[in-house]
Amino acid sequence: MKKIIIAAAIVTLLSGSAFAEEGPWMVRARAVSLDMNNKDSTGLGLSVNNKTIPEVDITYFINKKLAVELILTVPQKQTVHSGALATDIGTFKHLPPVITLQYHFDSVNGIKPYVGAGLNYTQITQVNLLDGGAGLSSNSWGAALQAGLDFPIDKNLSFNIDVKKVNLKSDVFVGGDNKGLLKLNPTLIGAGLGYRY
């Protein structure tokens, strides 16, 4: 009987240790290439520059397979170019948090793939186009799709590659008139480190 109790205690301790190694929280830091799709219906030939941005993500694992991830960055300043005018026409800032529900597959040769889908909300501020003669919508809602791979380094640390497609668009106003829609719909390709606890 004593051996059974000792064995049960060992199993309990090992289970607790395994759970601690696979805690429900993960934090990632990535460098992300922001690649704008730039489809413009205004006739001005508008486009917004690509850039590399920092990104921090907080993930909560509901269970082994399902997780919710909140994707954050700092407000990003972008330059708007007009092909019709052959010049830059100004700048704006945007803050684009994204939340996704992820499905994590079983690891393959130690690599852990996942996919996700969710919602993007982008707040557009500090718009200065054509010296104040043009403007953009103040916010945008859109769908977001995600796929990624985690490469474990140790029991907590991993290297991550992540790709997201985000629907992001804004009405363009010139002199108070709506001139059409600028669809940015960026692709975000990121790489960084994750820590699970």
C-alpha atoms as a PDB file:
ATOM      1  CA  MET A   1       0.000   0.000   0.000  1.00  0.00           C
ATOM      2  CA  LYS A   2       2.856   2.362   0.837  1.00  0.00           C
ATOM      3  CA  LYS A   3       4.431   1.706  -2.597  1.00  0.00           C
ATOM      4  CA  ILE A   4       1.140   2.570  -4.328  1.00  0.00           C
ATOM      5  CA  ILE A   5       0.865   5.840  -2.387  1.00  0.00           C
ATOM      6  CA  ILE A   6       4.484   6.718  -3.232  1.00  0.00           C
ATOM      7  CA  ALA A   7       3.927   5.850  -6.909  1.00  0.00           C
ATOM      8  CA  ALA A   8       0.739   7.962  -6.990  1.00  0.00           C
ATOM      9  CA  ALA A   9       2.595  10.868  -5.410  1.00  0.00           C
ATOM     10  CA  ILE A  10       5.382  10.604  -8.024  1.00  0.00           C
ATOM     11  CA  VAL A  11       2.837  10.526 -10.886  1.00  0.00           C
ATOM     12  CA  THR A  12       1.073  13.562  -9.418  1.00  0.00           C
ATOM     13  CA  LEU A  13       4.338  15.477  -9.120  1.00  0.00           C
ATOM     14  CA  LEU A  14       5.371  14.570 -12.657  1.00  0.00           C
ATOM     15  CA  SER A  15       1.960  15.603 -13.993  1.00  0.00           C
ATOM     16  CA  GLY A  16       2.199  18.905 -12.160  1.00  0.00           C
ATOM     17  CA  SER A  17       5.688  19.425 -13.578  1.00  0.00           C
ATOM     18  CA  ALA A  18       4.489  18.690 -17.124  1.00  0.00           C
ATOM     19  CA  PHE A  19       1.615  21.139 -16.711  1.00  0.00           C
ATOM     20  CA  ALA A  20       4.010  23.784 -15.473  1.00  0.00           C
ATOM     21  CA  GLU A  21       6.155  23.238 -18.581  1.00  0.00           C
ATOM     22  CA  GLU A  22       3.068  23.647 -20.768  1.00  0.00           C
ATOM     23  CA  GLY A  23       1.520  26.601 -18.976  1.00  0.00           C
ATOM     24  CA  PRO A  24      -1.494  28.387 -20.464  1.00  0.00           C
ATOM     25  CA  TRP A  25       0.276  31.669 -21.312  1.00  0.00           C
ATOM     26  CA  MET A  26       2.663  32.523 -24.121  1.00  0.00           C
ATOM     27  CA  VAL A  27       4.255  35.872 -24.955  1.00  0.00           C
ATOM     28  CA  ARG A  28       5.962  36.458 -28.291  1.00  0.00           C
ATOM     29  CA  ALA A  29       8.043  39.328 -29.637  1.00  0.00           C
ATOM     30  CA  ARG A  30       8.431  39.557 -33.401  1.00  0.00           C
ATOM     31  CA  ALA A  31       9.893  41.761 -36.123  1.00  0.00           C
ATOM     32  CA  VAL A  32       7.187  41.990 -38.789  1.00  0.00           C
ATOM     33  CA  SER A  33       7.353  42.988 -42.439  1.00  0.00           C
ATOM     34  CA  LEU A  34       4.201  44.987 -43.256  1.00  0.00           C
ATOM     35  CA  ASP A  35       3.463  44.606 -46.984  1.00  0.00           C
ATOM     36  CA  MET A  36       0.542  46.737 -48.223  1.00  0.00           C
ATOM     37  CA  ASN A  37      -1.713  45.457 -51.027  1.00  0.00           C
ATOM     38  CA  ASN A  38      -2.728  49.011 -52.121  1.00  0.00           C
ATOM     39  CA  LYS A  39      -5.918  48.918 -54.185  1.00  0.00           C
ATOM     40  CA  ASP A  40      -7.321  52.403 -54.793  1.00  0.00           C
ATOM     41  CA  SER A  41     -10.650  53.399 -56.358  1.00  0.00           C
ATOM     42  CA  THR A  42     -10.229  57.190 -56.038  1.00  0.00           C
ATOM     43  CA  GLY A  43      -8.451  57.788 -59.343  1.00  0.00           C
ATOM     44  CA  LEU A  44      -5.528  59.366 -57.464  1.00  0.00           C
ATOM     45  CA  GLY A  45      -3.377  56.240 -57.668  1.00  0.00           C
ATOM     46  CA  LEU A  46      -2.881  56.149 -53.906  1.00  0.00           C
ATOM     47  CA  SER A  47      -0.450  53.779 -52.222  1.00  0.00           C
ATOM     48  CA  VAL A  48       0.969  53.425 -48.723  1.00  0.00           C
ATOM     49  CA  ASN A  49       4.568  52.450 -47.982  1.00  0.00           C
ATOM     50  CA  ASN A  50       5.725  49.077 -46.690  1.00  0.00           C
ATOM     51  CA  LYS A  51       7.792  48.923 -43.497  1.00  0.00           C
ATOM     52  CA  THR A  52       9.118  46.682 -40.736  1.00  0.00           C
ATOM     53  CA  ILE A  53       7.385  47.041 -37.379  1.00  0.00           C
ATOM     54  CA  PRO A  54       7.735  45.571 -33.864  1.00  0.00           C
ATOM     55  CA  GLU A  55       4.992  43.297 -32.597  1.00  0.00           C
ATOM     56  CA  VAL A  56       4.151  41.777 -29.199  1.00  0.00           C
ATOM     57  CA  ASP A  57       1.597  38.988 -28.884  1.00  0.00           C
ATOM     58  CA  ILE A  58      -0.086  37.560 -25.796  1.00  0.00           C
ATOM     59  CA  THR A  59      -1.591  34.081 -26.164  1.00  0.00           C
ATOM     60  CA  TYR A  60      -3.814  32.175 -23.752  1.00  0.00           C
ATOM     61  CA  PHE A  61      -4.239  28.425 -24.307  1.00  0.00           C
ATOM     62  CA  ILE A  62      -7.820  27.354 -23.545  1.00  0.00           C
ATOM     63  CA  ASN A  63      -6.681  23.758 -23.915  1.00  0.00           C
ATOM     64  CA  LYS A  64      -3.945  21.877 -25.781  1.00  0.00           C
ATOM     65  CA  LYS A  65      -5.417  22.684 -29.197  1.00  0.00           C
ATOM     66  CA  LEU A  66      -7.262  26.015 -28.856  1.00  0.00           C
ATOM     67  CA  ALA A  67      -5.763  29.390 -27.976  1.00  0.00           C
ATOM     68  CA  VAL A  68      -6.705  33.065 -28.152  1.00  0.00           C
ATOM     69  CA  GLU A  69      -4.033  35.536 -29.253  1.00  0.00           C
ATOM     70  CA  LEU A  70      -3.985  39.326 -28.897  1.00  0.00           C
ATOM     71  CA  ILE A  71      -1.573  40.962 -31.352  1.00  0.00           C
ATOM     72  CA  LEU A  72      -0.251  44.411 -30.431  1.00  0.00           C
ATOM     73  CA  THR A  73       2.143  47.036 -31.735  1.00  0.00           C
ATOM     74  CA  VAL A  74       2.768  50.757 -31.307  1.00  0.00           C
ATOM     75  CA  PRO A  75       1.097  53.402 -33.541  1.00  0.00           C
ATOM     76  CA  GLN A  76       2.707  53.284 -36.975  1.00  0.00           C
ATOM     77  CA  LYS A  77       3.346  56.324 -39.185  1.00  0.00           C
ATOM     78  CA  GLN A  78       2.788  55.704 -42.900  1.00  0.00           C
ATOM     79  CA  THR A  79       3.411  57.791 -46.012  1.00  0.00           C
ATOM     80  CA  VAL A  80       0.765  58.115 -48.736  1.00  0.00           C
ATOM     81  CA  HIS A  81       1.893  58.464 -52.351  1.00  0.00           C
ATOM     82  CA  SER A  82      -0.244  59.593 -55.291  1.00  0.00           C
ATOM     83  CA  GLY A  83       0.685  58.117 -58.645  1.00  0.00           C
ATOM     84  CA  ALA A  84      -1.605  60.601 -60.403  1.00  0.00           C
ATOM     85  CA  LEU A  85       0.213  63.543 -58.797  1.00  0.00           C
ATOM     86  CA  ALA A  86       3.603  61.782 -58.909  1.00  0.00           C
ATOM     87  CA  THR A  87       4.404  62.803 -55.323  1.00  0.00           C
ATOM     88  CA  ASP A  88       3.899  61.949 -51.666  1.00  0.00           C
ATOM     89  CA  ILE A  89       0.767  63.705 -50.415  1.00  0.00           C
ATOM     90  CA  GLY A  90       1.169  63.274 -46.663  1.00  0.00           C
ATOM     91  CA  THR A  91       1.118  60.891 -43.730  1.00  0.00           C
ATOM     92  CA  PHE A  92      -1.143  59.232 -41.174  1.00  0.00           C
ATOM     93  CA  LYS A  93      -0.793  56.994 -38.137  1.00  0.00           C
ATOM     94  CA  HIS A  94      -2.597  53.747 -37.447  1.00  0.00           C
ATOM     95  CA  LEU A  95      -2.877  51.391 -34.468  1.00  0.00           C
ATOM     96  CA  PRO A  96      -3.987  47.921 -35.643  1.00  0.00           C
ATOM     97  CA  PRO A  97      -4.606  45.435 -32.784  1.00  0.00           C
ATOM     98  CA  VAL A  98      -5.762  41.982 -33.916  1.00  0.00           C
ATOM     99  CA  ILE A  99      -7.363  39.157 -31.950  1.00  0.00           C
ATOM    100  CA  THR A 100      -7.449  35.597 -33.298  1.00  0.00           C
ATOM    101  CA  LEU A 101      -8.728  32.196 -32.242  1.00  0.00           C
ATOM    102  CA  GLN A 102      -6.035  29.649 -33.011  1.00  0.00           C
ATOM    103  CA  TYR A 103      -5.969  25.887 -33.585  1.00  0.00           C
ATOM    104  CA  HIS A 104      -2.652  24.257 -32.694  1.00  0.00           C
ATOM    105  CA  PHE A 105      -1.838  20.978 -34.426  1.00  0.00           C
ATOM    106  CA  ASP A 106       0.181  18.135 -32.934  1.00  0.00           C
ATOM    107  CA  SER A 107       3.902  18.675 -33.315  1.00  0.00           C
ATOM    108  CA  VAL A 108       5.638  17.259 -36.388  1.00  0.00           C
ATOM    109  CA  ASN A 109       9.307  16.400 -35.776  1.00  0.00           C
ATOM    110  CA  GLY A 110       9.168  18.829 -32.840  1.00  0.00           C
ATOM    111  CA  ILE A 111       7.702  21.685 -34.938  1.00  0.00           C
ATOM    112  CA  LYS A 112       4.303  22.970 -33.786  1.00  0.00           C
ATOM    113  CA  PRO A 113       2.083  24.425 -36.570  1.00  0.00           C
ATOM    114  CA  TYR A 114      -1.044  26.510 -35.979  1.00  0.00           C
ATOM    115  CA  VAL A 115      -3.706  28.431 -37.876  1.00  0.00           C
ATOM    116  CA  GLY A 116      -5.953  31.250 -36.705  1.00  0.00           C
ATOM    117  CA  ALA A 117      -8.805  33.515 -37.699  1.00  0.00           C
ATOM    118  CA  GLY A 118     -10.115  36.626 -36.061  1.00  0.00           C
ATOM    119  CA  LEU A 119     -10.824  40.323 -36.167  1.00  0.00           C
ATOM    120  CA  ASN A 120      -8.738  43.442 -36.795  1.00  0.00           C
ATOM    121  CA  TYR A 121      -9.637  46.913 -35.555  1.00  0.00           C
ATOM    122  CA  THR A 122      -7.477  49.753 -36.856  1.00  0.00           C
ATOM    123  CA  GLN A 123      -7.657  53.278 -35.453  1.00  0.00           C
ATOM    124  CA  ILE A 124      -6.464  55.903 -37.963  1.00  0.00           C
ATOM    125  CA  THR A 125      -5.193  59.182 -36.498  1.00  0.00           C
ATOM    126  CA  GLN A 126      -3.013  62.230 -37.246  1.00  0.00           C
ATOM    127  CA  VAL A 127      -4.057  62.307 -40.899  1.00  0.00           C
ATOM    128  CA  ASN A 128      -2.260  65.044 -42.830  1.00  0.00           C
ATOM    129  CA  LEU A 129      -2.916  64.686 -46.563  1.00  0.00           C
ATOM    130  CA  LEU A 130      -2.700  67.453 -49.175  1.00  0.00           C
ATOM    131  CA  ASP A 131      -1.971  69.949 -46.364  1.00  0.00           C
ATOM    132  CA  GLY A 132      -5.292  69.129 -44.705  1.00  0.00           C
ATOM    133  CA  GLY A 133      -7.293  69.088 -47.937  1.00  0.00           C
ATOM    134  CA  ALA A 134      -7.841  65.303 -47.802  1.00  0.00           C
ATOM    135  CA  GLY A 135      -8.746  62.844 -45.063  1.00  0.00           C
ATOM    136  CA  LEU A 136      -9.298  59.198 -44.188  1.00  0.00           C
ATOM    137  CA  SER A 137     -11.861  57.259 -42.156  1.00  0.00           C
ATOM    138  CA  SER A 138     -11.068  57.284 -38.445  1.00  0.00           C
ATOM    139  CA  ASN A 139     -11.236  53.495 -38.071  1.00  0.00           C
ATOM    140  CA  SER A 140     -11.486  50.194 -39.925  1.00  0.00           C
ATOM    141  CA  TRP A 141     -12.879  46.764 -39.005  1.00  0.00           C
ATOM    142  CA  GLY A 142     -11.874  43.651 -40.917  1.00  0.00           C
ATOM    143  CA  ALA A 143     -11.175  39.930 -40.829  1.00  0.00           C
ATOM    144  CA  ALA A 144      -7.730  38.498 -40.110  1.00  0.00           C
ATOM    145  CA  LEU A 145      -6.246  35.108 -41.062  1.00  0.00           C
ATOM    146  CA  GLN A 146      -3.100  33.625 -39.579  1.00  0.00           C
ATOM    147  CA  ALA A 147      -0.733  30.651 -39.903  1.00  0.00           C
ATOM    148  CA  GLY A 148       2.488  29.962 -38.091  1.00  0.00           C
ATOM    149  CA  LEU A 149       5.140  27.564 -36.845  1.00  0.00           C
ATOM    150  CA  ASP A 150       6.810  27.281 -33.439  1.00  0.00           C
ATOM    151  CA  PHE A 151      10.276  25.688 -33.273  1.00  0.00           C
ATOM    152  CA  PRO A 152      10.978  24.707 -29.645  1.00  0.00           C
ATOM    153  CA  ILE A 153      14.368  25.761 -28.278  1.00  0.00           C
ATOM    154  CA  ASP A 154      13.780  24.422 -24.764  1.00  0.00           C
ATOM    155  CA  LYS A 155      10.765  23.611 -22.581  1.00  0.00           C
ATOM    156  CA  ASN A 156       9.621  27.253 -22.477  1.00  0.00           C
ATOM    157  CA  LEU A 157      11.380  29.110 -25.293  1.00  0.00           C
ATOM    158  CA  SER A 158      10.621  28.786 -29.015  1.00  0.00           C
ATOM    159  CA  PHE A 159      11.458  30.433 -32.333  1.00  0.00           C
ATOM    160  CA  ASN A 160       8.351  31.547 -34.227  1.00  0.00           C
ATOM    161  CA  ILE A 161       7.477  32.281 -37.842  1.00  0.00           C
ATOM    162  CA  ASP A 162       4.041  33.823 -38.416  1.00  0.00           C
ATOM    163  CA  VAL A 163       2.071  35.036 -41.453  1.00  0.00           C
ATOM    164  CA  LYS A 164      -1.117  37.104 -41.235  1.00  0.00           C
ATOM    165  CA  LYS A 165      -3.478  38.571 -43.819  1.00  0.00           C
ATOM    166  CA  VAL A 166      -5.514  41.522 -42.511  1.00  0.00           C
ATOM    167  CA  ASN A 167      -8.422  43.334 -44.144  1.00  0.00           C
ATOM    168  CA  LEU A 168      -7.770  47.062 -43.717  1.00  0.00           C
ATOM    169  CA  LYS A 169      -9.510  49.780 -45.707  1.00  0.00           C
ATOM    170  CA  SER A 170     -10.425  53.452 -45.493  1.00  0.00           C
ATOM    171  CA  ASP A 171     -12.674  55.905 -47.305  1.00  0.00           C
ATOM    172  CA  VAL A 172     -10.754  58.820 -48.821  1.00  0.00           C
ATOM    173  CA  PHE A 173     -12.209  62.326 -48.513  1.00  0.00           C
ATOM    174  CA  VAL A 174     -11.110  65.340 -50.558  1.00  0.00           C
ATOM    175  CA  GLY A 175     -12.691  68.684 -49.718  1.00  0.00           C
ATOM    176  CA  GLY A 176     -15.277  66.826 -47.622  1.00  0.00           C
ATOM    177  CA  ASP A 177     -16.387  64.619 -50.540  1.00  0.00           C
ATOM    178  CA  ASN A 178     -15.965  60.843 -50.480  1.00  0.00           C
ATOM    179  CA  LYS A 179     -13.706  60.058 -53.445  1.00  0.00           C
ATOM    180  CA  GLY A 180     -13.524  56.293 -53.038  1.00  0.00           C
ATOM    181  CA  LEU A 181     -11.930  53.475 -51.097  1.00  0.00           C
ATOM    182  CA  LEU A 182      -8.290  52.732 -50.364  1.00  0.00           C
ATOM    183  CA  LYS A 183      -7.834  49.039 -49.585  1.00  0.00           C
ATOM    184  CA  LEU A 184      -4.510  48.350 -47.894  1.00  0.00           C
ATOM    185  CA  ASN A 185      -5.169  44.688 -46.885  1.00  0.00           C
ATOM    186  CA  PRO A 186      -1.587  44.091 -45.694  1.00  0.00           C
ATOM    187  CA  THR A 187       0.273  40.809 -45.452  1.00  0.00           C
ATOM    188  CA  LEU A 188       2.377  40.594 -42.284  1.00  0.00           C
ATOM    189  CA  ILE A 189       5.315  38.190 -42.198  1.00  0.00           C
ATOM    190  CA  GLY A 190       7.004  37.969 -38.819  1.00  0.00           C
ATOM    191  CA  ALA A 191       9.760  36.123 -37.006  1.00  0.00           C
ATOM    192  CA  GLY A 192      10.696  36.212 -33.346  1.00  0.00           C
ATOM    193  CA  LEU A 193      10.808  34.432 -30.011  1.00  0.00           C
ATOM    194  CA  GLY A 194       8.052  33.045 -27.815  1.00  0.00           C
ATOM    195  CA  TYR A 195       8.071  32.203 -24.120  1.00  0.00           C
ATOM    196  CA  ARG A 196       5.420  29.888 -22.626  1.00  0.00           C
ATOM    197  CA  TYR A 197       4.731  29.807 -18.894  1.00  0.00           C
END
